[in-house]
Amino acid sequence: MKNIQISPSILSADFSNLRTEIKRLEEGGADMIHVDVMDGHFVPNLTIGPPVIKALRKHCSLKFDVHLMISPVHKYIDAYADAGADIITIHPEATDDLENSIKKIREKNKQVGVSLNPESEIKLILNLLDKIDLVLIMSVNPGFGGQKFMPEVLDKIKNLKKIQKEKKLNFDIEIDGGINFDNCKSAIEAGANILVSGTTVFRSNNGDIKKNINLLKLK
């Protein structure tokens, strides 16, 4: 079993002081930084773009786990790769040619992630799993932080884990959406090894990030 990693979402951070917030995550034991990019089109919200990622990159040594909720995504891959993303995760529905977009991310020497919304089926990526480093399972409908966890997606993770074993593949399984101390164990038991969490990491236990990260890892 892979080590459990925590990728805190800066969607829940203090946007007026992101440099300090990222430093707090680094010092608190975060494994990577999850950056939610939303365009107001593919999802009903707007967040940050490449200039912000580029500005933060010089102040953090952790991986930037960049989740692109934008459409059409293909033409923006270069910009986010050049800004400092280490992992670039895209949605099958946001590109006309998923295999070509995966290839483009790989050509930029970045890790490739593909995200499945709650209603998106594994069959969308089944034939491309050997080309993917990470599958991100959304446990809320993407667009806003602080939503309630959808436990029905756990079966999708279990099925994905089964396929992974059968095909002898080694991609990470990440889960994002409403992850907290009550459901993290279920997510891990289902097969997820990377947990994205925003509100819980930043606001639980009076903002004790180190404690919150350890609790999510079941330590």
Protein backbone atom coordinates (compact mmCIF):
# COMPACT_ATOMS: atom_id res chain seq x y z
CA MET A 1 0.00 0.00 0.00
CA LYS A 2 1.28 3.46 -0.90
CA ASN A 3 1.97 6.00 1.82
CA ILE A 4 -0.95 8.34 2.42
CA GLN A 5 -0.26 11.87 1.21
CA ILE A 6 -2.15 15.07 1.96
CA SER A 7 -2.57 17.74 -0.71
CA PRO A 8 -4.17 20.75 1.01
CA SER A 9 -6.32 22.90 -1.23
CA ILE A 10 -5.40 26.57 -1.12
CA LEU A 11 -8.99 27.34 -2.13
CA SER A 12 -9.58 27.49 1.65
CA ALA A 13 -6.49 29.59 2.38
CA ASP A 14 -6.35 33.30 3.15
CA PHE A 15 -6.01 34.70 -0.38
CA SER A 16 -4.72 38.01 0.95
CA ASN A 17 -1.66 36.20 2.30
CA LEU A 18 -1.08 33.15 0.11
CA ARG A 19 2.71 33.23 0.44
CA THR A 20 2.46 32.83 4.23
CA GLU A 21 -0.32 30.26 3.94
CA ILE A 22 1.77 28.06 1.66
CA LYS A 23 4.70 28.34 4.04
CA ARG A 24 2.42 27.20 6.87
CA LEU A 25 1.44 24.15 4.81
CA GLU A 26 5.07 23.33 4.06
CA GLU A 27 6.05 23.61 7.73
CA GLY A 28 2.95 21.67 8.78
CA GLY A 29 3.90 18.57 6.82
CA ALA A 30 1.84 18.86 3.64
CA ASP A 31 3.05 16.52 0.90
CA MET A 32 2.05 18.83 -1.95
CA ILE A 33 -0.05 21.92 -2.64
CA HIS A 34 -3.41 21.48 -4.39
CA VAL A 35 -4.29 24.38 -6.67
CA ASP A 36 -7.87 24.51 -7.95
CA VAL A 37 -8.11 26.41 -11.24
CA MET A 38 -11.67 27.32 -12.27
CA ASP A 39 -12.77 29.30 -15.29
CA GLY A 40 -16.40 30.22 -14.64
CA HIS A 41 -17.30 28.16 -17.71
CA PHE A 42 -16.47 24.49 -17.12
CA VAL A 43 -17.42 25.05 -13.47
CA PRO A 44 -19.44 27.95 -11.98
CA ASN A 45 -16.62 29.74 -10.21
CA LEU A 46 -13.44 31.71 -10.96
CA THR A 47 -10.15 31.23 -9.11
CA ILE A 48 -6.50 31.80 -10.01
CA GLY A 49 -4.40 31.72 -13.15
CA PRO A 50 -0.78 31.14 -14.17
CA PRO A 51 0.60 34.47 -12.82
CA VAL A 52 -0.39 33.57 -9.25
CA ILE A 53 1.10 30.08 -9.53
CA LYS A 54 4.31 31.54 -10.96
CA ALA A 55 4.53 34.06 -8.11
CA LEU A 56 4.02 31.38 -5.44
CA ARG A 57 6.35 28.85 -7.05
CA LYS A 58 9.52 30.66 -5.94
CA HIS A 59 8.42 30.52 -2.29
CA CYS A 60 7.67 26.78 -2.01
CA SER A 61 9.62 23.58 -2.59
CA LEU A 62 6.59 21.26 -2.49
CA LYS A 63 4.96 19.83 -5.61
CA PHE A 64 2.20 21.96 -7.09
CA ASP A 65 -0.76 19.67 -7.73
CA VAL A 66 -2.71 21.77 -10.24
CA HIS A 67 -6.29 20.76 -11.04
CA LEU A 68 -7.51 22.45 -14.22
CA MET A 69 -11.29 22.82 -14.21
CA ILE A 70 -11.25 24.80 -17.44
CA SER A 71 -12.55 24.20 -20.95
CA PRO A 72 -11.18 23.94 -23.57
CA VAL A 73 -8.19 22.87 -21.49
CA HIS A 74 -5.69 21.82 -24.18
CA LYS A 75 -4.57 25.32 -25.16
CA TYR A 76 -3.82 26.27 -21.54
CA ILE A 77 -1.55 23.33 -20.67
CA ASP A 78 1.62 25.17 -21.71
CA ALA A 79 0.82 28.20 -19.56
CA TYR A 80 0.27 26.22 -16.38
CA ALA A 81 3.27 23.98 -17.02
CA ASP A 82 5.50 27.03 -17.55
CA ALA A 83 4.08 28.72 -14.44
CA GLY A 84 5.37 25.93 -12.23
CA ALA A 85 2.81 23.13 -12.02
CA ASP A 86 4.33 19.72 -11.24
CA ILE A 87 1.17 17.67 -11.69
CA ILE A 88 -1.43 18.83 -14.22
CA THR A 89 -4.85 17.24 -13.86
CA ILE A 90 -7.53 17.66 -16.52
CA HIS A 91 -11.08 16.42 -17.14
CA PRO A 92 -11.97 14.16 -20.08
CA GLU A 93 -15.00 16.36 -20.82
CA ALA A 94 -12.81 19.48 -21.13
CA THR A 95 -10.78 18.36 -24.17
CA ASP A 96 -11.64 17.16 -27.67
CA ASP A 97 -8.80 14.64 -27.58
CA LEU A 98 -7.88 13.35 -24.13
CA GLU A 99 -4.99 11.23 -25.37
CA ASN A 100 -3.45 14.20 -27.16
CA SER A 101 -3.81 16.41 -24.09
CA ILE A 102 -2.16 13.75 -21.94
CA LYS A 103 0.68 13.61 -24.47
CA LYS A 104 1.07 17.38 -24.32
CA ILE A 105 1.37 17.36 -20.51
CA ARG A 106 3.97 14.60 -20.76
CA GLU A 107 5.92 16.57 -23.37
CA LYS A 108 6.18 19.40 -20.83
CA ASN A 109 7.84 16.91 -18.43
CA LYS A 110 4.94 17.12 -16.00
CA GLN A 111 3.04 14.37 -14.21
CA VAL A 112 -0.34 13.63 -15.77
CA GLY A 113 -3.58 13.55 -13.84
CA VAL A 114 -7.10 12.92 -15.09
CA SER A 115 -10.13 13.80 -12.97
CA LEU A 116 -13.51 12.10 -12.88
CA ASN A 117 -16.55 14.03 -11.66
CA PRO A 118 -19.08 12.14 -9.50
CA GLU A 119 -21.16 11.22 -12.55
CA SER A 120 -18.16 10.47 -14.83
CA GLU A 121 -17.47 6.79 -15.40
CA ILE A 122 -14.12 4.99 -15.29
CA LYS A 123 -14.65 3.84 -18.88
CA LEU A 124 -13.79 7.37 -20.02
CA ILE A 125 -10.15 6.71 -19.11
CA LEU A 126 -9.97 2.92 -19.04
CA ASN A 127 -7.79 2.60 -22.15
CA LEU A 128 -5.45 5.39 -21.04
CA LEU A 129 -4.65 4.32 -17.48
CA ASP A 130 -1.15 3.19 -18.48
CA LYS A 131 -0.41 6.78 -19.60
CA ILE A 132 -1.63 8.46 -16.39
CA ASP A 133 0.26 9.17 -13.15
CA LEU A 134 -2.79 10.12 -11.10
CA VAL A 135 -6.56 9.68 -11.19
CA LEU A 136 -8.46 12.31 -9.23
CA ILE A 137 -11.89 11.18 -8.05
CA MET A 138 -14.18 14.09 -7.25
CA SER A 139 -16.36 13.45 -4.19
CA VAL A 140 -18.32 16.67 -4.76
CA ASN A 141 -19.49 18.39 -7.91
CA PRO A 142 -16.56 20.68 -8.75
CA GLY A 143 -16.85 24.43 -8.51
CA PHE A 144 -16.90 25.44 -4.86
CA GLY A 145 -15.08 24.55 -1.66
CA GLY A 146 -16.80 23.45 1.54
CA GLN A 147 -19.29 21.03 -0.07
CA LYS A 148 -20.59 17.86 1.54
CA PHE A 149 -18.77 14.59 0.76
CA MET A 150 -20.58 12.17 -1.58
CA PRO A 151 -19.94 8.64 -0.20
CA GLU A 152 -21.26 6.96 -3.35
CA VAL A 153 -17.97 7.71 -5.14
CA LEU A 154 -16.15 5.27 -2.85
CA ASP A 155 -17.37 2.39 -5.02
CA LYS A 156 -15.71 4.05 -8.01
CA ILE A 157 -12.42 4.16 -6.11
CA LYS A 158 -12.76 0.48 -5.18
CA ASN A 159 -13.41 -0.43 -8.82
CA LEU A 160 -10.47 1.68 -9.96
CA LYS A 161 -8.22 0.01 -7.38
CA LYS A 162 -9.34 -3.40 -8.64
CA ILE A 163 -8.55 -2.45 -12.24
CA GLN A 164 -5.18 -1.09 -11.14
CA LYS A 165 -4.24 -4.40 -9.53
CA GLU A 166 -5.49 -6.48 -12.46
CA LYS A 167 -3.50 -4.41 -14.96
CA LYS A 168 -0.49 -4.11 -12.61
CA LEU A 169 -0.44 -0.31 -12.92
CA ASN A 170 1.03 2.17 -10.48
CA PHE A 171 -0.93 5.44 -10.71
CA ASP A 172 -1.94 7.40 -7.62
CA ILE A 173 -5.60 7.62 -6.64
CA GLU A 174 -6.51 11.04 -5.30
CA ILE A 175 -9.85 12.09 -3.82
CA ASP A 176 -11.13 15.65 -3.54
CA GLY A 177 -14.29 17.07 -2.05
CA GLY A 178 -15.50 17.35 1.53
CA ILE A 179 -12.68 15.25 2.95
CA ASN A 180 -12.60 15.45 6.76
CA PHE A 181 -11.75 13.43 9.87
CA ASP A 182 -15.03 11.50 9.61
CA ASN A 183 -14.61 10.17 6.07
CA CYS A 184 -10.85 10.06 5.48
CA LYS A 185 -10.61 6.48 6.76
CA SER A 186 -13.30 5.31 4.33
CA ALA A 187 -11.51 7.02 1.45
CA ILE A 188 -8.20 5.38 2.36
CA GLU A 189 -9.78 1.97 2.85
CA ALA A 190 -11.44 2.27 -0.58
CA GLY A 191 -8.01 2.77 -2.16
CA ALA A 192 -7.21 6.48 -2.23
CA ASN A 193 -3.61 7.35 -1.31
CA ILE A 194 -3.76 11.13 -1.81
CA LEU A 195 -6.36 13.16 0.06
CA VAL A 196 -7.20 16.72 -0.96
CA SER A 197 -8.62 18.76 1.90
CA GLY A 198 -9.08 22.48 2.32
CA THR A 199 -11.48 23.51 5.06
CA THR A 200 -10.42 20.71 7.41
CA VAL A 201 -6.70 21.43 7.05
CA PHE A 202 -6.96 25.19 7.46
CA ARG A 203 -9.78 25.60 9.96
CA SER A 204 -10.09 22.57 12.24
CA ASN A 205 -8.41 22.54 15.67
CA ASN A 206 -7.95 26.32 15.63
CA GLY A 207 -5.95 26.11 12.41
CA ASP A 208 -3.35 23.62 13.69
CA ILE A 209 -2.25 22.48 10.23
CA LYS A 210 0.28 19.88 11.41
CA LYS A 211 -2.26 18.23 13.71
CA ASN A 212 -4.95 18.26 11.04
CA ILE A 213 -2.67 16.71 8.40
CA ASN A 214 -1.63 13.95 10.80
CA LEU A 215 -5.26 13.24 11.72
CA LEU A 216 -6.20 12.92 8.05
CA LYS A 217 -3.33 10.45 7.62
CA LEU A 218 -4.83 8.47 10.53
CA LYS A 219 -1.72 9.08 12.63
